[in-house]
């Protein structure tokens, strides 16, 4: 499966962005999906995950309430709505598919990765 993340950009603090992760080559409807981010000089960190049906979500503590993950299996796409953005949210955001479990925080659990989309939040 190929994943393509897009929707990043430059936004002022307090603004919003909606990231999309479009899958091709195979349906992702049976996979849990996650979003990660990586800032310069830092390790890739978990942001949020969603189970295959969209009925279960698992957020990193600091993002819950500001970020919302959702999915449309008919469109083979996962979304990340980000509100009240802060400069510390600046990073490359990656989507990933976990074909085995769900709610995993470690990048090693994810089998497929998108190429990342840059999010820059100015103060």
PDB file of N, CA and C in Angstrom:
ATOM      1  N   UNK A   1       0.846  -1.175   0.000  1.00  0.00           N
ATOM      2  CA  UNK A   1       0.000   0.000   0.000  1.00  0.00           C
ATOM      3  C   UNK A   1       0.891   1.238   0.000  1.00  0.00           C
ATOM      4  N   UNK A   2       0.501   2.223  -0.794  1.00  0.00           N
ATOM      5  CA  UNK A   2       1.226   3.498  -0.824  1.00  0.00           C
ATOM      6  C   UNK A   2       0.387   4.557  -0.116  1.00  0.00           C
ATOM      7  N   UNK A   3       1.046   5.324   0.726  1.00  0.00           N
ATOM      8  CA  UNK A   3       0.373   6.376   1.475  1.00  0.00           C
ATOM      9  C   UNK A   3       0.936   7.724   1.065  1.00  0.00           C
ATOM     10  N   UNK A   4       0.066   8.676   0.870  1.00  0.00           N
ATOM     11  CA  UNK A   4       0.505  10.027   0.522  1.00  0.00           C
ATOM     12  C   UNK A   4      -0.174  11.018   1.446  1.00  0.00           C
ATOM     13  N   UNK A   5       0.639  11.714   2.213  1.00  0.00           N
ATOM     14  CA  UNK A   5       0.127  12.731   3.116  1.00  0.00           C
ATOM     15  C   UNK A   5       0.232  14.095   2.459  1.00  0.00           C
ATOM     16  N   UNK A   6      -0.793  14.893   2.617  1.00  0.00           N
ATOM     17  CA  UNK A   6      -0.764  16.241   2.082  1.00  0.00           C
ATOM     18  C   UNK A   6      -1.671  17.129   2.915  1.00  0.00           C
ATOM     19  N   UNK A   7      -1.568  18.421   2.643  1.00  0.00           N
ATOM     20  CA  UNK A   7      -2.385  19.383   3.370  1.00  0.00           C
ATOM     21  C   UNK A   7      -1.603  20.255   4.332  1.00  0.00           C
ATOM     22  N   UNK A   8      -0.304  20.019   4.452  1.00  0.00           N
ATOM     23  CA  UNK A   8       0.493  20.854   5.327  1.00  0.00           C
ATOM     24  C   UNK A   8       0.687  22.239   4.744  1.00  0.00           C
ATOM     25  N   UNK A   9       1.325  23.082   5.520  1.00  0.00           N
ATOM     26  CA  UNK A   9       1.572  24.439   5.058  1.00  0.00           C
ATOM     27  C   UNK A   9       2.021  25.326   6.185  1.00  0.00           C
ATOM     28  N   UNK A  10       2.006  26.619   5.907  1.00  0.00           N
ATOM     29  CA  UNK A  10       2.396  27.622   6.889  1.00  0.00           C
ATOM     30  C   UNK A  10       1.133  28.271   7.449  1.00  0.00           C
ATOM     31  N   UNK A  11       1.033  28.307   8.761  1.00  0.00           N
ATOM     32  CA  UNK A  11      -0.145  28.876   9.408  1.00  0.00           C
ATOM     33  C   UNK A  11       0.304  29.634  10.652  1.00  0.00           C
ATOM     34  N   UNK A  12      -0.445  30.645  11.012  1.00  0.00           N
ATOM     35  CA  UNK A  12      -0.140  31.391  12.230  1.00  0.00           C
ATOM     36  C   UNK A  12      -0.618  30.638  13.455  1.00  0.00           C
ATOM     37  N   UNK A  13       0.022  30.914  14.563  1.00  0.00           N
ATOM     38  CA  UNK A  13      -0.399  30.309  15.824  1.00  0.00           C
ATOM     39  C   UNK A  13      -1.882  30.584  16.058  1.00  0.00           C
ATOM     40  N   UNK A  14      -2.582  29.562  16.502  1.00  0.00           N
ATOM     41  CA  UNK A  14      -4.012  29.654  16.709  1.00  0.00           C
ATOM     42  C   UNK A  14      -4.828  29.219  15.512  1.00  0.00           C
ATOM     43  N   UNK A  15      -4.163  29.032  14.384  1.00  0.00           N
ATOM     44  CA  UNK A  15      -4.859  28.637  13.172  1.00  0.00           C
ATOM     45  C   UNK A  15      -5.110  27.140  13.088  1.00  0.00           C
ATOM     46  N   UNK A  16      -5.635  26.720  11.953  1.00  0.00           N
ATOM     47  CA  UNK A  16      -6.015  25.325  11.744  1.00  0.00           C
ATOM     48  C   UNK A  16      -5.496  24.813  10.414  1.00  0.00           C
ATOM     49  N   UNK A  17      -5.277  23.524  10.377  1.00  0.00           N
ATOM     50  CA  UNK A  17      -4.944  22.820   9.140  1.00  0.00           C
ATOM     51  C   UNK A  17      -5.619  21.467   9.163  1.00  0.00           C
ATOM     52  N   UNK A  18      -5.918  20.962   7.986  1.00  0.00           N
ATOM     53  CA  UNK A  18      -6.453  19.614   7.867  1.00  0.00           C
ATOM     54  C   UNK A  18      -5.532  18.813   6.969  1.00  0.00           C
ATOM     55  N   UNK A  19      -4.923  17.810   7.546  1.00  0.00           N
ATOM     56  CA  UNK A  19      -4.068  16.921   6.786  1.00  0.00           C
ATOM     57  C   UNK A  19      -4.874  15.742   6.275  1.00  0.00           C
ATOM     58  N   UNK A  20      -4.483  15.265   5.109  1.00  0.00           N
ATOM     59  CA  UNK A  20      -5.108  14.075   4.540  1.00  0.00           C
ATOM     60  C   UNK A  20      -4.033  13.047   4.244  1.00  0.00           C
ATOM     61  N   UNK A  21      -4.405  11.804   4.329  1.00  0.00           N
ATOM     62  CA  UNK A  21      -3.513  10.687   3.993  1.00  0.00           C
ATOM     63  C   UNK A  21      -4.291   9.782   3.059  1.00  0.00           C
ATOM     64  N   UNK A  22      -3.935   9.810   1.796  1.00  0.00           N
ATOM     65  CA  UNK A  22      -4.621   9.020   0.789  1.00  0.00           C
ATOM     66  C   UNK A  22      -3.838   7.744   0.513  1.00  0.00           C
ATOM     67  N   UNK A  23      -4.527   6.642   0.531  1.00  0.00           N
ATOM     68  CA  UNK A  23      -3.895   5.350   0.289  1.00  0.00           C
ATOM     69  C   UNK A  23      -4.238   4.854  -1.103  1.00  0.00           C
ATOM     70  N   UNK A  24      -3.294   4.156  -1.695  1.00  0.00           N
ATOM     71  CA  UNK A  24      -3.525   3.545  -3.000  1.00  0.00           C
ATOM     72  C   UNK A  24      -2.841   2.186  -3.037  1.00  0.00           C
ATOM     73  N   UNK A  25      -3.259   1.379  -3.972  1.00  0.00           N
ATOM     74  CA  UNK A  25      -2.661   0.059  -4.134  1.00  0.00           C
ATOM     75  C   UNK A  25      -3.349  -1.040  -3.356  1.00  0.00           C
ATOM     76  N   UNK A  26      -4.003  -0.651  -2.269  1.00  0.00           N
ATOM     77  CA  UNK A  26      -4.685  -1.627  -1.422  1.00  0.00           C
ATOM     78  C   UNK A  26      -5.608  -0.863  -0.504  1.00  0.00           C
ATOM     79  N   UNK A  27      -6.701  -1.475  -0.154  1.00  0.00           N
ATOM     80  CA  UNK A  27      -7.594  -0.822   0.795  1.00  0.00           C
ATOM     81  C   UNK A  27      -6.974  -0.814   2.189  1.00  0.00           C
ATOM     82  N   UNK A  28      -7.173   0.275   2.902  1.00  0.00           N
ATOM     83  CA  UNK A  28      -6.688   0.375   4.277  1.00  0.00           C
ATOM     84  C   UNK A  28      -7.831   0.192   5.265  1.00  0.00           C
ATOM     85  N   UNK A  29      -8.976  -0.247   4.769  1.00  0.00           N
ATOM     86  CA  UNK A  29     -10.175  -0.310   5.612  1.00  0.00           C
ATOM     87  C   UNK A  29     -10.040  -1.298   6.764  1.00  0.00           C
ATOM     88  N   UNK A  30      -9.097  -2.219   6.680  1.00  0.00           N
ATOM     89  CA  UNK A  30      -8.915  -3.177   7.769  1.00  0.00           C
ATOM     90  C   UNK A  30      -7.692  -2.861   8.617  1.00  0.00           C
ATOM     91  N   UNK A  31      -7.063  -1.734   8.365  1.00  0.00           N
ATOM     92  CA  UNK A  31      -5.860  -1.367   9.093  1.00  0.00           C
ATOM     93  C   UNK A  31      -6.134  -0.229  10.054  1.00  0.00           C
ATOM     94  N   UNK A  32      -5.477  -0.282  11.186  1.00  0.00           N
ATOM     95  CA  UNK A  32      -5.455   0.918  11.999  1.00  0.00           C
ATOM     96  C   UNK A  32      -4.428   1.873  11.405  1.00  0.00           C
ATOM     97  N   UNK A  33      -4.647   3.143  11.622  1.00  0.00           N
ATOM     98  CA  UNK A  33      -3.807   4.173  11.031  1.00  0.00           C
ATOM     99  C   UNK A  33      -3.315   5.122  12.118  1.00  0.00           C
ATOM    100  N   UNK A  34      -2.158   5.691  11.889  1.00  0.00           N
ATOM    101  CA  UNK A  34      -1.618   6.630  12.857  1.00  0.00           C
ATOM    102  C   UNK A  34      -1.002   7.831  12.181  1.00  0.00           C
ATOM    103  N   UNK A  35      -0.924   8.891  12.939  1.00  0.00           N
ATOM    104  CA  UNK A  35      -0.177  10.080  12.527  1.00  0.00           C
ATOM    105  C   UNK A  35       0.986  10.257  13.497  1.00  0.00           C
ATOM    106  N   UNK A  36       2.135  10.559  12.924  1.00  0.00           N
ATOM    107  CA  UNK A  36       3.336  10.865  13.693  1.00  0.00           C
ATOM    108  C   UNK A  36       3.873  12.200  13.207  1.00  0.00           C
ATOM    109  N   UNK A  37       4.782  12.767  13.958  1.00  0.00           N
ATOM    110  CA  UNK A  37       5.441  13.982  13.514  1.00  0.00           C
ATOM    111  C   UNK A  37       6.902  13.957  13.939  1.00  0.00           C
ATOM    112  N   UNK A  38       7.699  14.684  13.197  1.00  0.00           N
ATOM    113  CA  UNK A  38       9.117  14.752  13.507  1.00  0.00           C
ATOM    114  C   UNK A  38       9.618  16.175  13.271  1.00  0.00           C
ATOM    115  N   UNK A  39      10.069  16.780  14.340  1.00  0.00           N
ATOM    116  CA  UNK A  39      10.643  18.117  14.276  1.00  0.00           C
ATOM    117  C   UNK A  39      12.146  17.988  14.045  1.00  0.00           C
ATOM    118  N   UNK A  40      12.775  19.022  13.518  1.00  0.00           N
ATOM    119  CA  UNK A  40      14.220  18.958  13.261  1.00  0.00           C
ATOM    120  C   UNK A  40      15.004  18.626  14.520  1.00  0.00           C
ATOM    121  N   UNK A  41      15.877  17.636  14.401  1.00  0.00           N
ATOM    122  CA  UNK A  41      16.718  17.258  15.518  1.00  0.00           C
ATOM    123  C   UNK A  41      16.038  16.421  16.578  1.00  0.00           C
ATOM    124  N   UNK A  42      14.797  16.052  16.338  1.00  0.00           N
ATOM    125  CA  UNK A  42      14.056  15.259  17.319  1.00  0.00           C
ATOM    126  C   UNK A  42      13.630  13.929  16.726  1.00  0.00           C
ATOM    127  N   UNK A  43      13.281  13.013  17.616  1.00  0.00           N
ATOM    128  CA  UNK A  43      12.799  11.717  17.167  1.00  0.00           C
ATOM    129  C   UNK A  43      11.356  11.831  16.674  1.00  0.00           C
ATOM    130  N   UNK A  44      10.986  10.899  15.843  1.00  0.00           N
ATOM    131  CA  UNK A  44       9.605  10.845  15.380  1.00  0.00           C
ATOM    132  C   UNK A  44       8.711  10.497  16.565  1.00  0.00           C
ATOM    133  N   UNK A  45       7.644  11.253  16.733  1.00  0.00           N
ATOM    134  CA  UNK A  45       6.773  11.028  17.889  1.00  0.00           C
ATOM    135  C   UNK A  45       5.335  10.776  17.454  1.00  0.00           C
ATOM    136  N   UNK A  46       4.703   9.982  18.261  1.00  0.00           N
ATOM    137  CA  UNK A  46       3.304   9.603  18.033  1.00  0.00           C
ATOM    138  C   UNK A  46       2.388  10.788  18.287  1.00  0.00           C
ATOM    139  N   UNK A  47       1.386  10.935  17.427  1.00  0.00           N
ATOM    140  CA  UNK A  47       0.379  11.979  17.608  1.00  0.00           C
ATOM    141  C   UNK A  47      -0.974  11.363  17.945  1.00  0.00           C
ATOM    142  N   UNK A  48      -1.455  10.463  17.089  1.00  0.00           N
ATOM    143  CA  UNK A  48      -2.781   9.896  17.286  1.00  0.00           C
ATOM    144  C   UNK A  48      -2.922   8.661  16.411  1.00  0.00           C
ATOM    145  N   UNK A  49      -3.793   7.755  16.826  1.00  0.00           N
ATOM    146  CA  UNK A  49      -4.111   6.568  16.038  1.00  0.00           C
ATOM    147  C   UNK A  49      -5.611   6.363  15.999  1.00  0.00           C
ATOM    148  N   UNK A  50      -6.061   5.664  14.977  1.00  0.00           N
ATOM    149  CA  UNK A  50      -7.478   5.342  14.825  1.00  0.00           C
ATOM    150  C   UNK A  50      -7.592   3.898  14.402  1.00  0.00           C
ATOM    151  N   UNK A  51      -8.612   3.207  14.941  1.00  0.00           N
ATOM    152  CA  UNK A  51      -8.758   1.804  14.583  1.00  0.00           C
ATOM    153  C   UNK A  51      -9.385   1.675  13.201  1.00  0.00           C
ATOM    154  N   UNK A  52      -9.530   0.445  12.743  1.00  0.00           N
ATOM    155  CA  UNK A  52      -9.913   0.223  11.345  1.00  0.00           C
ATOM    156  C   UNK A  52     -11.300   0.767  11.032  1.00  0.00           C
ATOM    157  N   UNK A  53     -12.191   0.738  12.003  1.00  0.00           N
ATOM    158  CA  UNK A  53     -13.567   1.164  11.737  1.00  0.00           C
ATOM    159  C   UNK A  53     -13.795   2.648  12.021  1.00  0.00           C
ATOM    160  N   UNK A  54     -12.826   3.270  12.691  1.00  0.00           N
ATOM    161  CA  UNK A  54     -13.002   4.669  13.061  1.00  0.00           C
ATOM    162  C   UNK A  54     -13.717   4.870  14.377  1.00  0.00           C
ATOM    163  N   UNK A  55     -14.055   3.793  15.044  1.00  0.00           N
ATOM    164  CA  UNK A  55     -14.789   3.901  16.305  1.00  0.00           C
ATOM    165  C   UNK A  55     -13.881   4.063  17.514  1.00  0.00           C
ATOM    166  N   UNK A  56     -12.602   3.867  17.325  1.00  0.00           N
ATOM    167  CA  UNK A  56     -11.662   4.010  18.433  1.00  0.00           C
ATOM    168  C   UNK A  56     -10.512   4.911  18.047  1.00  0.00           C
ATOM    169  N   UNK A  57     -10.172   5.823  18.944  1.00  0.00           N
ATOM    170  CA  UNK A  57      -9.041   6.729  18.712  1.00  0.00           C
ATOM    171  C   UNK A  57      -8.166   6.778  19.951  1.00  0.00           C
ATOM    172  N   UNK A  58      -6.908   7.076  19.742  1.00  0.00           N
ATOM    173  CA  UNK A  58      -5.954   7.114  20.849  1.00  0.00           C
ATOM    174  C   UNK A  58      -5.004   8.268  20.585  1.00  0.00           C
ATOM    175  N   UNK A  59      -5.031   9.250  21.474  1.00  0.00           N
ATOM    176  CA  UNK A  59      -4.258  10.465  21.284  1.00  0.00           C
ATOM    177  C   UNK A  59      -3.072  10.521  22.235  1.00  0.00           C
ATOM    178  N   UNK A  60      -2.013  11.128  21.768  1.00  0.00           N
ATOM    179  CA  UNK A  60      -0.963  11.549  22.681  1.00  0.00           C
ATOM    180  C   UNK A  60      -1.578  12.614  23.572  1.00  0.00           C
ATOM    181  N   UNK A  61      -1.208  12.630  24.822  1.00  0.00           N
ATOM    182  CA  UNK A  61      -1.891  13.482  25.798  1.00  0.00           C
ATOM    183  C   UNK A  61      -1.943  14.944  25.405  1.00  0.00           C
ATOM    184  N   UNK A  62      -0.867  15.448  24.851  1.00  0.00           N
ATOM    185  CA  UNK A  62      -0.788  16.884  24.607  1.00  0.00           C
ATOM    186  C   UNK A  62      -1.654  17.344  23.444  1.00  0.00           C
ATOM    187  N   UNK A  63      -2.090  16.411  22.579  1.00  0.00           N
ATOM    188  CA  UNK A  63      -2.828  16.814  21.388  1.00  0.00           C
ATOM    189  C   UNK A  63      -4.340  16.603  21.528  1.00  0.00           C
ATOM    190  N   UNK A  64      -4.732  15.801  22.481  1.00  0.00           N
ATOM    191  CA  UNK A  64      -6.159  15.539  22.615  1.00  0.00           C
ATOM    192  C   UNK A  64      -6.892  16.831  22.938  1.00  0.00           C
ATOM    193  N   UNK A  65      -7.950  17.075  22.221  1.00  0.00           N
ATOM    194  CA  UNK A  65      -8.712  18.305  22.374  1.00  0.00           C
ATOM    195  C   UNK A  65      -8.410  19.321  21.295  1.00  0.00           C
ATOM    196  N   UNK A  66      -7.218  19.285  20.751  1.00  0.00           N
ATOM    197  CA  UNK A  66      -6.872  20.192  19.649  1.00  0.00           C
ATOM    198  C   UNK A  66      -6.880  19.480  18.309  1.00  0.00           C
ATOM    199  N   UNK A  67      -6.477  18.212  18.318  1.00  0.00           N
ATOM    200  CA  UNK A  67      -6.395  17.439  17.079  1.00  0.00           C
ATOM    201  C   UNK A  67      -7.512  16.409  17.037  1.00  0.00           C
ATOM    202  N   UNK A  68      -8.009  16.148  15.836  1.00  0.00           N
ATOM    203  CA  UNK A  68      -9.038  15.133  15.652  1.00  0.00           C
ATOM    204  C   UNK A  68      -8.697  14.274  14.448  1.00  0.00           C
ATOM    205  N   UNK A  69      -8.608  12.979  14.675  1.00  0.00           N
ATOM    206  CA  UNK A  69      -8.367  12.044  13.585  1.00  0.00           C
ATOM    207  C   UNK A  69      -9.693  11.457  13.141  1.00  0.00           C
ATOM    208  N   UNK A  70      -9.809  11.202  11.863  1.00  0.00           N
ATOM    209  CA  UNK A  70     -10.999  10.554  11.319  1.00  0.00           C
ATOM    210  C   UNK A  70     -10.588   9.799  10.066  1.00  0.00           C
ATOM    211  N   UNK A  71     -11.501   9.004   9.575  1.00  0.00           N
ATOM    212  CA  UNK A  71     -11.202   8.253   8.358  1.00  0.00           C
ATOM    213  C   UNK A  71     -12.456   8.052   7.543  1.00  0.00           C
ATOM    214  N   UNK A  72     -12.248   7.906   6.247  1.00  0.00           N
ATOM    215  CA  UNK A  72     -13.326   7.593   5.320  1.00  0.00           C
ATOM    216  C   UNK A  72     -12.845   6.383   4.530  1.00  0.00           C
ATOM    217  N   UNK A  73     -13.268   5.209   4.948  1.00  0.00           N
ATOM    218  CA  UNK A  73     -12.781   3.992   4.295  1.00  0.00           C
ATOM    219  C   UNK A  73     -13.254   3.888   2.849  1.00  0.00           C
ATOM    220  N   UNK A  74     -14.378   4.479   2.543  1.00  0.00           N
ATOM    221  CA  UNK A  74     -14.851   4.466   1.156  1.00  0.00           C
ATOM    222  C   UNK A  74     -13.903   5.241   0.248  1.00  0.00           C
ATOM    223  N   UNK A  75     -13.242   6.238   0.813  1.00  0.00           N
ATOM    224  CA  UNK A  75     -12.283   7.037   0.047  1.00  0.00           C
ATOM    225  C   UNK A  75     -10.842   6.599   0.298  1.00  0.00           C
ATOM    226  N   UNK A  76     -10.680   5.587   1.153  1.00  0.00           N
ATOM    227  CA  UNK A  76      -9.335   5.098   1.447  1.00  0.00           C
ATOM    228  C   UNK A  76      -8.438   6.214   1.976  1.00  0.00           C
ATOM    229  N   UNK A  77      -8.999   7.036   2.837  1.00  0.00           N
ATOM    230  CA  UNK A  77      -8.310   8.246   3.286  1.00  0.00           C
ATOM    231  C   UNK A  77      -8.499   8.435   4.794  1.00  0.00           C
ATOM    232  N   UNK A  78      -7.447   8.945   5.413  1.00  0.00           N
ATOM    233  CA  UNK A  78      -7.463   9.293   6.831  1.00  0.00           C
ATOM    234  C   UNK A  78      -7.159  10.782   6.942  1.00  0.00           C
ATOM    235  N   UNK A  79      -7.760  11.423   7.923  1.00  0.00           N
ATOM    236  CA  UNK A  79      -7.623  12.861   8.084  1.00  0.00           C
ATOM    237  C   UNK A  79      -7.091  13.198   9.477  1.00  0.00           C
ATOM    238  N   UNK A  80      -6.454  14.340   9.563  1.00  0.00           N
ATOM    239  CA  UNK A  80      -6.054  14.890  10.850  1.00  0.00           C
ATOM    240  C   UNK A  80      -6.414  16.370  10.852  1.00  0.00           C
ATOM    241  N   UNK A  81      -7.438  16.705  11.603  1.00  0.00           N
ATOM    242  CA  UNK A  81      -7.839  18.091  11.777  1.00  0.00           C
ATOM    243  C   UNK A  81      -7.064  18.659  12.954  1.00  0.00           C
ATOM    244  N   UNK A  82      -6.335  19.727  12.707  1.00  0.00           N
ATOM    245  CA  UNK A  82      -5.510  20.333  13.751  1.00  0.00           C
ATOM    246  C   UNK A  82      -5.981  21.763  13.990  1.00  0.00           C
ATOM    247  N   UNK A  83      -6.414  22.035  15.194  1.00  0.00           N
ATOM    248  CA  UNK A  83      -6.896  23.361  15.573  1.00  0.00           C
ATOM    249  C   UNK A  83      -6.000  23.948  16.652  1.00  0.00           C
ATOM    250  N   UNK A  84      -6.127  25.238  16.851  1.00  0.00           N
ATOM    251  CA  UNK A  84      -5.361  25.947  17.890  1.00  0.00           C
ATOM    252  C   UNK A  84      -3.881  25.592  17.808  1.00  0.00           C
ATOM    253  N   UNK A  85      -3.350  25.677  16.622  1.00  0.00           N
ATOM    254  CA  UNK A  85      -1.963  25.264  16.408  1.00  0.00           C
ATOM    255  C   UNK A  85      -0.985  26.176  17.142  1.00  0.00           C
ATOM    256  N   UNK A  86       0.091  25.555  17.593  1.00  0.00           N
ATOM    257  CA  UNK A  86       1.136  26.241  18.342  1.00  0.00           C
ATOM    258  C   UNK A  86       2.462  26.124  17.590  1.00  0.00           C
ATOM    259  N   UNK A  87       3.370  27.029  17.815  1.00  0.00           N
ATOM    260  CA  UNK A  87       4.682  26.912  17.143  1.00  0.00           C
ATOM    261  C   UNK A  87       5.359  25.567  17.399  1.00  0.00           C
ATOM    262  N   UNK A  88       5.142  24.996  18.565  1.00  0.00           N
ATOM    263  CA  UNK A  88       5.756  23.701  18.875  1.00  0.00           C
ATOM    264  C   UNK A  88       5.130  22.543  18.109  1.00  0.00           C
ATOM    265  N   UNK A  89       4.065  22.799  17.375  1.00  0.00           N
ATOM    266  CA  UNK A  89       3.486  21.774  16.499  1.00  0.00           C
ATOM    267  C   UNK A  89       4.235  21.708  15.167  1.00  0.00           C
ATOM    268  N   UNK A  90       5.157  22.615  14.942  1.00  0.00           N
ATOM    269  CA  UNK A  90       5.914  22.620  13.701  1.00  0.00           C
ATOM    270  C   UNK A  90       6.714  21.340  13.556  1.00  0.00           C
ATOM    271  N   UNK A  91       6.509  20.641  12.442  1.00  0.00           N
ATOM    272  CA  UNK A  91       7.163  19.352  12.202  1.00  0.00           C
ATOM    273  C   UNK A  91       6.739  18.845  10.831  1.00  0.00           C
ATOM    274  N   UNK A  92       7.395  17.783  10.419  1.00  0.00           N
ATOM    275  CA  UNK A  92       6.900  17.014   9.281  1.00  0.00           C
ATOM    276  C   UNK A  92       5.945  15.967   9.843  1.00  0.00           C
ATOM    277  N   UNK A  93       4.769  15.907   9.286  1.00  0.00           N
ATOM    278  CA  UNK A  93       3.739  14.983   9.755  1.00  0.00           C
ATOM    279  C   UNK A  93       3.645  13.800   8.794  1.00  0.00           C
ATOM    280  N   UNK A  94       3.651  12.615   9.382  1.00  0.00           N
ATOM    281  CA  UNK A  94       3.607  11.374   8.618  1.00  0.00           C
ATOM    282  C   UNK A  94       2.361  10.572   8.980  1.00  0.00           C
ATOM    283  N   UNK A  95       1.767   9.939   7.990  1.00  0.00           N
ATOM    284  CA  UNK A  95       0.735   8.960   8.271  1.00  0.00           C
ATOM    285  C   UNK A  95       1.331   7.565   8.085  1.00  0.00           C
ATOM    286  N   UNK A  96       0.760   6.608   8.775  1.00  0.00           N
ATOM    287  CA  UNK A  96       1.301   5.258   8.751  1.00  0.00           C
ATOM    288  C   UNK A  96       0.198   4.249   8.988  1.00  0.00           C
ATOM    289  N   UNK A  97       0.397   3.053   8.477  1.00  0.00           N
ATOM    290  CA  UNK A  97      -0.585   1.977   8.612  1.00  0.00           C
ATOM    291  C   UNK A  97      -0.016   0.853   9.475  1.00  0.00           C
ATOM    292  N   UNK A  98      -0.822   0.390  10.405  1.00  0.00           N
ATOM    293  CA  UNK A  98      -0.486  -0.752  11.240  1.00  0.00           C
ATOM    294  C   UNK A  98      -1.393  -1.900  10.831  1.00  0.00           C
ATOM    295  N   UNK A  99      -0.820  -2.918  10.216  1.00  0.00           N
ATOM    296  CA  UNK A  99      -1.616  -4.012   9.684  1.00  0.00           C
ATOM    297  C   UNK A  99      -1.887  -5.100  10.713  1.00  0.00           C
ATOM    298  N   UNK A 100      -1.349  -4.953  11.912  1.00  0.00           N
ATOM    299  CA  UNK A 100      -1.454  -6.019  12.910  1.00  0.00           C
ATOM    300  C   UNK A 100      -2.309  -5.600  14.102  1.00  0.00           C
ATOM    301  N   UNK A 101      -1.988  -4.488  14.725  1.00  0.00           N
ATOM    302  CA  UNK A 101      -2.692  -4.082  15.935  1.00  0.00           C
ATOM    303  C   UNK A 101      -3.281  -2.707  15.763  1.00  0.00           C
ATOM    304  N   UNK A 102      -3.478  -2.021  16.891  1.00  0.00           N
ATOM    305  CA  UNK A 102      -3.921  -0.626  16.816  1.00  0.00           C
ATOM    306  C   UNK A 102      -3.562   0.077  18.112  1.00  0.00           C
ATOM    307  N   UNK A 103      -3.470   1.408  17.997  1.00  0.00           N
ATOM    308  CA  UNK A 103      -3.169   2.208  19.160  1.00  0.00           C
ATOM    309  C   UNK A 103      -1.711   2.166  19.572  1.00  0.00           C
ATOM    310  N   UNK A 104      -0.858   1.720  18.667  1.00  0.00           N
ATOM    311  CA  UNK A 104       0.557   1.634  18.990  1.00  0.00           C
ATOM    312  C   UNK A 104       1.217   3.006  18.903  1.00  0.00           C
ATOM    313  N   UNK A 105       2.053   3.321  19.893  1.00  0.00           N
ATOM    314  CA  UNK A 105       2.738   4.605  19.921  1.00  0.00           C
ATOM    315  C   UNK A 105       4.116   4.534  19.276  1.00  0.00           C
ATOM    316  N   UNK A 106       4.635   3.338  19.096  1.00  0.00           N
ATOM    317  CA  UNK A 106       5.982   3.218  18.572  1.00  0.00           C
ATOM    318  C   UNK A 106       5.978   3.112  17.056  1.00  0.00           C
ATOM    319  N   UNK A 107       6.839   3.868  16.382  1.00  0.00           N
ATOM    320  CA  UNK A 107       6.882   3.797  14.914  1.00  0.00           C
ATOM    321  C   UNK A 107       7.166   2.395  14.386  1.00  0.00           C
ATOM    322  N   UNK A 108       7.869   1.587  15.152  1.00  0.00           N
ATOM    323  CA  UNK A 108       8.224   0.239  14.682  1.00  0.00           C
ATOM    324  C   UNK A 108       6.999  -0.630  14.439  1.00  0.00           C
ATOM    325  N   UNK A 109       5.895  -0.292  15.045  1.00  0.00           N
ATOM    326  CA  UNK A 109       4.673  -1.103  14.891  1.00  0.00           C
ATOM    327  C   UNK A 109       3.982  -0.879  13.556  1.00  0.00           C
ATOM    328  N   UNK A 110       4.377   0.147  12.835  1.00  0.00           N
ATOM    329  CA  UNK A 110       3.680   0.519  11.601  1.00  0.00           C
ATOM    330  C   UNK A 110       4.449   0.019  10.388  1.00  0.00           C
ATOM    331  N   UNK A 111       3.707  -0.589   9.481  1.00  0.00           N
ATOM    332  CA  UNK A 111       4.322  -1.267   8.351  1.00  0.00           C
ATOM    333  C   UNK A 111       4.525  -0.375   7.131  1.00  0.00           C
ATOM    334  N   UNK A 112       3.621   0.568   6.969  1.00  0.00           N
ATOM    335  CA  UNK A 112       3.661   1.416   5.784  1.00  0.00           C
ATOM    336  C   UNK A 112       3.635   2.885   6.206  1.00  0.00           C
ATOM    337  N   UNK A 113       4.391   3.690   5.473  1.00  0.00           N
ATOM    338  CA  UNK A 113       4.535   5.106   5.799  1.00  0.00           C
ATOM    339  C   UNK A 113       4.341   5.971   4.565  1.00  0.00           C
ATOM    340  N   UNK A 114       3.732   7.123   4.785  1.00  0.00           N
ATOM    341  CA  UNK A 114       3.677   8.130   3.752  1.00  0.00           C
ATOM    342  C   UNK A 114       4.951   8.960   3.760  1.00  0.00           C
ATOM    343  N   UNK A 115       5.062   9.870   2.824  1.00  0.00           N
ATOM    344  CA  UNK A 115       6.295  10.628   2.655  1.00  0.00           C
ATOM    345  C   UNK A 115       6.382  11.839   3.567  1.00  0.00           C
ATOM    346  N   UNK A 116       5.316  12.205   4.219  1.00  0.00           N
ATOM    347  CA  UNK A 116       5.342  13.336   5.137  1.00  0.00           C
ATOM    348  C   UNK A 116       4.927  14.635   4.483  1.00  0.00           C
ATOM    349  N   UNK A 117       4.327  15.495   5.289  1.00  0.00           N
ATOM    350  CA  UNK A 117       3.938  16.818   4.837  1.00  0.00           C
ATOM    351  C   UNK A 117       4.355  17.829   5.909  1.00  0.00           C
ATOM    352  N   UNK A 118       4.930  18.929   5.470  1.00  0.00           N
ATOM    353  CA  UNK A 118       5.490  19.911   6.408  1.00  0.00           C
ATOM    354  C   UNK A 118       4.392  20.812   6.966  1.00  0.00           C
ATOM    355  N   UNK A 119       4.385  20.943   8.269  1.00  0.00           N
ATOM    356  CA  UNK A 119       3.508  21.894   8.955  1.00  0.00           C
ATOM    357  C   UNK A 119       4.398  22.887   9.687  1.00  0.00           C
ATOM    358  N   UNK A 120       4.207  24.159   9.393  1.00  0.00           N
ATOM    359  CA  UNK A 120       4.978  25.211  10.038  1.00  0.00           C
ATOM    360  C   UNK A 120       4.013  26.201  10.673  1.00  0.00           C
ATOM    361  N   UNK A 121       4.170  26.406  11.966  1.00  0.00           N
ATOM    362  CA  UNK A 121       3.299  27.318  12.703  1.00  0.00           C
ATOM    363  C   UNK A 121       4.138  28.493  13.167  1.00  0.00           C
ATOM    364  N   UNK A 122       3.773  29.670  12.707  1.00  0.00           N
ATOM    365  CA  UNK A 122       4.522  30.869  13.079  1.00  0.00           C
ATOM    366  C   UNK A 122       3.900  31.524  14.302  1.00  0.00           C
ATOM    367  N   UNK A 123       4.754  32.164  15.083  1.00  0.00           N
ATOM    368  CA  UNK A 123       4.262  32.804  16.313  1.00  0.00           C
ATOM    369  C   UNK A 123       3.838  34.238  16.071  1.00  0.00           C
TER     370      UNK A 123
END
